[in-house]
Amino acid sequence: MRAIVMKPADNVATVVEAVEAGDSVAAGGDGIAIRVVEKIPFGHKFALRAIAKGQPVVKYGETIGLATRDILPGQHVHVHNLESCRGRGDK
């Protein structure tokens, strides 16, 4: 397993080693593999399924932010397409 899924409700997985575009990455214990579409650095997230702009990004079974653009399965999820909604103080 090259990625972990914290909770069944999560729509992202976290890689436990850097992966390259085109790699098929097993995520979680259910045998599901997702082909990542871009390089994902160690410790970063990728989408398990499509996440529409404005929709919650869920990790640990909790919303960690909102998608700032449409995110396709296998795409890197980070500050370029995710806006945190926790502890900001400005919204």
N, C-alpha and C. Protein backbone atom coordinates (compact mmCIF):
# COMPACT_ATOMS: atom_id res chain seq x y z
N MET A 1 0.84 -1.17 0.00
CA MET A 1 0.00 0.00 0.00
C MET A 1 0.89 1.24 0.00
N ARG A 2 0.64 2.13 -0.96
CA ARG A 2 1.47 3.33 -1.10
C ARG A 2 0.75 4.59 -0.62
N ALA A 3 -0.50 4.41 -0.18
CA ALA A 3 -1.27 5.55 0.32
C ALA A 3 -2.23 5.06 1.38
N ILE A 4 -2.59 5.98 2.27
CA ILE A 4 -3.53 5.60 3.33
C ILE A 4 -4.78 6.47 3.26
N VAL A 5 -5.88 5.84 3.61
CA VAL A 5 -7.16 6.51 3.73
C VAL A 5 -7.53 6.41 5.20
N MET A 6 -7.75 7.54 5.83
CA MET A 6 -7.98 7.56 7.27
C MET A 6 -9.36 7.02 7.67
N LYS A 7 -10.40 7.45 6.94
CA LYS A 7 -11.78 7.07 7.26
C LYS A 7 -12.53 6.76 5.96
N PRO A 8 -13.56 5.91 6.03
CA PRO A 8 -14.31 5.55 4.81
C PRO A 8 -14.93 6.76 4.10
N ALA A 9 -15.27 7.81 4.81
CA ALA A 9 -15.88 8.99 4.19
C ALA A 9 -14.88 9.88 3.45
N ASP A 10 -13.58 9.63 3.62
CA ASP A 10 -12.55 10.47 2.99
C ASP A 10 -12.64 10.44 1.47
N ASN A 11 -12.43 11.59 0.84
CA ASN A 11 -12.35 11.63 -0.62
C ASN A 11 -10.93 11.91 -1.10
N VAL A 12 -9.97 11.86 -0.17
CA VAL A 12 -8.55 11.96 -0.50
C VAL A 12 -7.78 10.86 0.23
N ALA A 13 -6.63 10.51 -0.34
CA ALA A 13 -5.70 9.58 0.30
C ALA A 13 -4.36 10.29 0.43
N THR A 14 -3.57 9.89 1.40
CA THR A 14 -2.25 10.47 1.62
C THR A 14 -1.18 9.46 1.24
N VAL A 15 -0.25 9.87 0.38
CA VAL A 15 0.80 8.94 -0.05
C VAL A 15 1.86 8.80 1.03
N VAL A 16 2.36 7.59 1.18
CA VAL A 16 3.40 7.31 2.17
C VAL A 16 4.78 7.21 1.52
N GLU A 17 4.82 7.48 0.23
CA GLU A 17 6.06 7.62 -0.53
C GLU A 17 5.73 8.44 -1.76
N ALA A 18 6.68 9.14 -2.30
CA ALA A 18 6.44 9.93 -3.50
C ALA A 18 6.00 8.99 -4.63
N VAL A 19 5.04 9.44 -5.44
CA VAL A 19 4.57 8.65 -6.58
C VAL A 19 4.64 9.50 -7.84
N GLU A 20 4.78 8.86 -8.95
CA GLU A 20 4.92 9.53 -10.24
C GLU A 20 3.60 9.50 -11.01
N ALA A 21 3.44 10.45 -11.90
CA ALA A 21 2.27 10.48 -12.78
C ALA A 21 2.15 9.15 -13.51
N GLY A 22 0.97 8.60 -13.54
CA GLY A 22 0.73 7.33 -14.22
C GLY A 22 0.82 6.12 -13.31
N ASP A 23 1.38 6.29 -12.10
CA ASP A 23 1.45 5.17 -11.16
C ASP A 23 0.06 4.77 -10.70
N SER A 24 -0.15 3.49 -10.55
CA SER A 24 -1.37 2.98 -9.94
C SER A 24 -1.08 2.81 -8.45
N VAL A 25 -1.87 3.49 -7.62
CA VAL A 25 -1.58 3.54 -6.19
C VAL A 25 -2.73 2.91 -5.41
N ALA A 26 -2.41 1.85 -4.65
CA ALA A 26 -3.39 1.23 -3.76
C ALA A 26 -3.59 2.16 -2.58
N ALA A 27 -4.85 2.38 -2.25
CA ALA A 27 -5.18 3.28 -1.13
C ALA A 27 -6.18 2.59 -0.22
N GLY A 28 -5.82 2.47 1.04
CA GLY A 28 -6.72 1.82 1.98
C GLY A 28 -6.61 0.31 1.90
N GLY A 29 -7.40 -0.36 2.70
CA GLY A 29 -7.32 -1.81 2.77
C GLY A 29 -8.31 -2.54 1.91
N ASP A 30 -9.06 -1.82 1.07
CA ASP A 30 -10.10 -2.48 0.28
C ASP A 30 -9.65 -2.88 -1.12
N GLY A 31 -8.37 -2.73 -1.42
CA GLY A 31 -7.85 -3.18 -2.70
C GLY A 31 -8.06 -2.21 -3.84
N ILE A 32 -8.63 -1.04 -3.58
CA ILE A 32 -8.86 -0.05 -4.64
C ILE A 32 -7.54 0.60 -5.01
N ALA A 33 -7.30 0.72 -6.31
CA ALA A 33 -6.11 1.40 -6.80
C ALA A 33 -6.55 2.54 -7.71
N ILE A 34 -5.91 3.66 -7.55
CA ILE A 34 -6.19 4.85 -8.36
C ILE A 34 -4.93 5.18 -9.16
N ARG A 35 -5.12 5.48 -10.45
CA ARG A 35 -3.98 5.92 -11.26
C ARG A 35 -3.83 7.43 -11.05
N VAL A 36 -2.70 7.84 -10.47
CA VAL A 36 -2.48 9.27 -10.24
C VAL A 36 -2.08 9.93 -11.54
N VAL A 37 -2.52 11.16 -11.73
CA VAL A 37 -2.32 11.84 -13.00
C VAL A 37 -1.18 12.85 -12.98
N GLU A 38 -0.60 13.02 -11.80
CA GLU A 38 0.55 13.91 -11.68
C GLU A 38 1.41 13.45 -10.51
N LYS A 39 2.63 13.94 -10.46
CA LYS A 39 3.53 13.56 -9.38
C LYS A 39 2.94 14.02 -8.04
N ILE A 40 2.97 13.13 -7.05
CA ILE A 40 2.46 13.45 -5.71
C ILE A 40 3.63 13.29 -4.74
N PRO A 41 4.06 14.37 -4.08
CA PRO A 41 5.17 14.27 -3.13
C PRO A 41 4.77 13.48 -1.88
N PHE A 42 5.76 12.89 -1.23
CA PHE A 42 5.56 12.17 0.03
C PHE A 42 4.73 13.02 1.00
N GLY A 43 3.73 12.40 1.61
CA GLY A 43 2.91 13.07 2.62
C GLY A 43 1.79 13.93 2.07
N HIS A 44 1.70 14.06 0.75
CA HIS A 44 0.65 14.88 0.15
C HIS A 44 -0.55 14.01 -0.20
N LYS A 45 -1.63 14.66 -0.60
CA LYS A 45 -2.89 13.99 -0.87
C LYS A 45 -3.19 13.93 -2.36
N PHE A 46 -4.02 12.94 -2.73
CA PHE A 46 -4.61 12.91 -4.06
C PHE A 46 -6.08 12.54 -3.92
N ALA A 47 -6.85 12.95 -4.92
CA ALA A 47 -8.30 12.71 -4.89
C ALA A 47 -8.61 11.25 -5.21
N LEU A 48 -9.50 10.68 -4.42
CA LEU A 48 -9.98 9.31 -4.67
C LEU A 48 -11.13 9.30 -5.66
N ARG A 49 -11.87 10.38 -5.71
CA ARG A 49 -13.00 10.53 -6.64
C ARG A 49 -13.10 12.02 -6.99
N ALA A 50 -13.92 12.32 -7.96
CA ALA A 50 -14.08 13.71 -8.38
C ALA A 50 -14.60 14.56 -7.22
N ILE A 51 -14.02 15.76 -7.08
CA ILE A 51 -14.45 16.73 -6.08
C ILE A 51 -14.73 18.03 -6.84
N ALA A 52 -15.97 18.46 -6.84
CA ALA A 52 -16.34 19.66 -7.58
C ALA A 52 -15.90 20.92 -6.85
N LYS A 53 -15.65 21.97 -7.61
CA LYS A 53 -15.29 23.27 -7.04
C LYS A 53 -16.32 23.64 -5.97
N GLY A 54 -15.84 24.07 -4.80
CA GLY A 54 -16.71 24.47 -3.71
C GLY A 54 -17.14 23.35 -2.79
N GLN A 55 -16.84 22.11 -3.18
CA GLN A 55 -17.23 20.96 -2.36
C GLN A 55 -16.17 20.67 -1.30
N PRO A 56 -16.56 20.02 -0.20
CA PRO A 56 -15.62 19.71 0.86
C PRO A 56 -14.56 18.70 0.43
N VAL A 57 -13.35 18.90 0.91
CA VAL A 57 -12.28 17.91 0.84
C VAL A 57 -12.26 17.26 2.21
N VAL A 58 -12.40 15.93 2.23
CA VAL A 58 -12.58 15.21 3.49
C VAL A 58 -11.40 14.29 3.76
N LYS A 59 -10.77 14.49 4.93
CA LYS A 59 -9.68 13.64 5.41
C LYS A 59 -9.93 13.44 6.90
N TYR A 60 -9.60 12.29 7.42
CA TYR A 60 -9.88 11.94 8.82
C TYR A 60 -11.39 11.90 9.09
N GLY A 61 -12.20 11.79 8.03
CA GLY A 61 -13.64 11.83 8.18
C GLY A 61 -14.18 13.23 8.44
N GLU A 62 -13.34 14.24 8.31
CA GLU A 62 -13.69 15.63 8.59
C GLU A 62 -13.36 16.50 7.38
N THR A 63 -14.12 17.56 7.21
CA THR A 63 -13.82 18.52 6.16
C THR A 63 -12.57 19.30 6.54
N ILE A 64 -11.57 19.26 5.67
CA ILE A 64 -10.32 19.99 5.93
C ILE A 64 -10.23 21.25 5.08
N GLY A 65 -11.16 21.40 4.13
CA GLY A 65 -11.16 22.58 3.28
C GLY A 65 -12.15 22.41 2.16
N LEU A 66 -12.16 23.39 1.27
CA LEU A 66 -13.04 23.36 0.10
C LEU A 66 -12.21 23.39 -1.17
N ALA A 67 -12.66 22.67 -2.16
CA ALA A 67 -11.97 22.66 -3.45
C ALA A 67 -12.14 24.03 -4.11
N THR A 68 -11.04 24.62 -4.57
CA THR A 68 -11.10 25.93 -5.23
C THR A 68 -11.28 25.79 -6.74
N ARG A 69 -11.23 24.55 -7.22
CA ARG A 69 -11.50 24.22 -8.63
C ARG A 69 -11.91 22.77 -8.67
N ASP A 70 -12.43 22.31 -9.78
CA ASP A 70 -12.77 20.90 -9.92
C ASP A 70 -11.49 20.07 -9.81
N ILE A 71 -11.58 18.97 -9.08
CA ILE A 71 -10.43 18.07 -8.88
C ILE A 71 -10.85 16.70 -9.38
N LEU A 72 -10.05 16.14 -10.26
CA LEU A 72 -10.34 14.82 -10.83
C LEU A 72 -9.70 13.72 -9.99
N PRO A 73 -10.24 12.51 -10.08
CA PRO A 73 -9.60 11.38 -9.37
C PRO A 73 -8.13 11.26 -9.79
N GLY A 74 -7.26 11.08 -8.80
CA GLY A 74 -5.83 10.93 -9.08
C GLY A 74 -5.05 12.23 -9.11
N GLN A 75 -5.74 13.36 -9.02
CA GLN A 75 -5.03 14.65 -9.02
C GLN A 75 -4.50 14.97 -7.63
N HIS A 76 -3.38 15.66 -7.61
CA HIS A 76 -2.75 16.16 -6.38
C HIS A 76 -3.72 17.15 -5.71
N VAL A 77 -3.91 17.02 -4.42
CA VAL A 77 -4.75 17.94 -3.66
C VAL A 77 -3.85 18.65 -2.65
N HIS A 78 -3.74 19.96 -2.82
CA HIS A 78 -2.86 20.75 -1.95
C HIS A 78 -3.32 22.21 -2.04
N VAL A 79 -2.49 23.14 -1.62
CA VAL A 79 -2.89 24.54 -1.54
C VAL A 79 -3.26 25.16 -2.89
N HIS A 80 -2.87 24.56 -4.00
CA HIS A 80 -3.20 25.11 -5.32
C HIS A 80 -4.65 24.84 -5.71
N ASN A 81 -5.32 23.90 -5.04
CA ASN A 81 -6.71 23.60 -5.37
C ASN A 81 -7.57 23.32 -4.13
N LEU A 82 -7.06 23.70 -2.97
CA LEU A 82 -7.75 23.48 -1.70
C LEU A 82 -7.59 24.73 -0.84
N GLU A 83 -8.71 25.21 -0.32
CA GLU A 83 -8.68 26.35 0.59
C GLU A 83 -9.13 25.86 1.96
N SER A 84 -8.28 26.05 2.94
CA SER A 84 -8.61 25.63 4.30
C SER A 84 -9.78 26.44 4.82
N CYS A 85 -10.61 25.81 5.60
CA CYS A 85 -11.72 26.52 6.23
C CYS A 85 -11.68 26.34 7.75
N ARG A 86 -10.52 25.95 8.26
CA ARG A 86 -10.35 25.73 9.71
C ARG A 86 -9.36 26.73 10.27
N GLY A 87 -9.70 27.33 11.37
CA GLY A 87 -8.78 28.19 12.11
C GLY A 87 -8.28 29.40 11.35
N ARG A 88 -9.03 29.86 10.37
CA ARG A 88 -8.56 30.98 9.54
C ARG A 88 -8.72 32.31 10.24
N GLY A 89 -9.87 32.54 10.83
CA GLY A 89 -10.11 33.82 11.50
C GLY A 89 -10.52 34.95 10.56
N ASP A 90 -10.42 34.71 9.24
CA ASP A 90 -10.78 35.77 8.29
C ASP A 90 -12.09 35.50 7.58
N LYS A 91 -12.71 34.36 7.83
CA LYS A 91 -13.99 34.04 7.18
C LYS A 91 -14.96 33.48 8.18
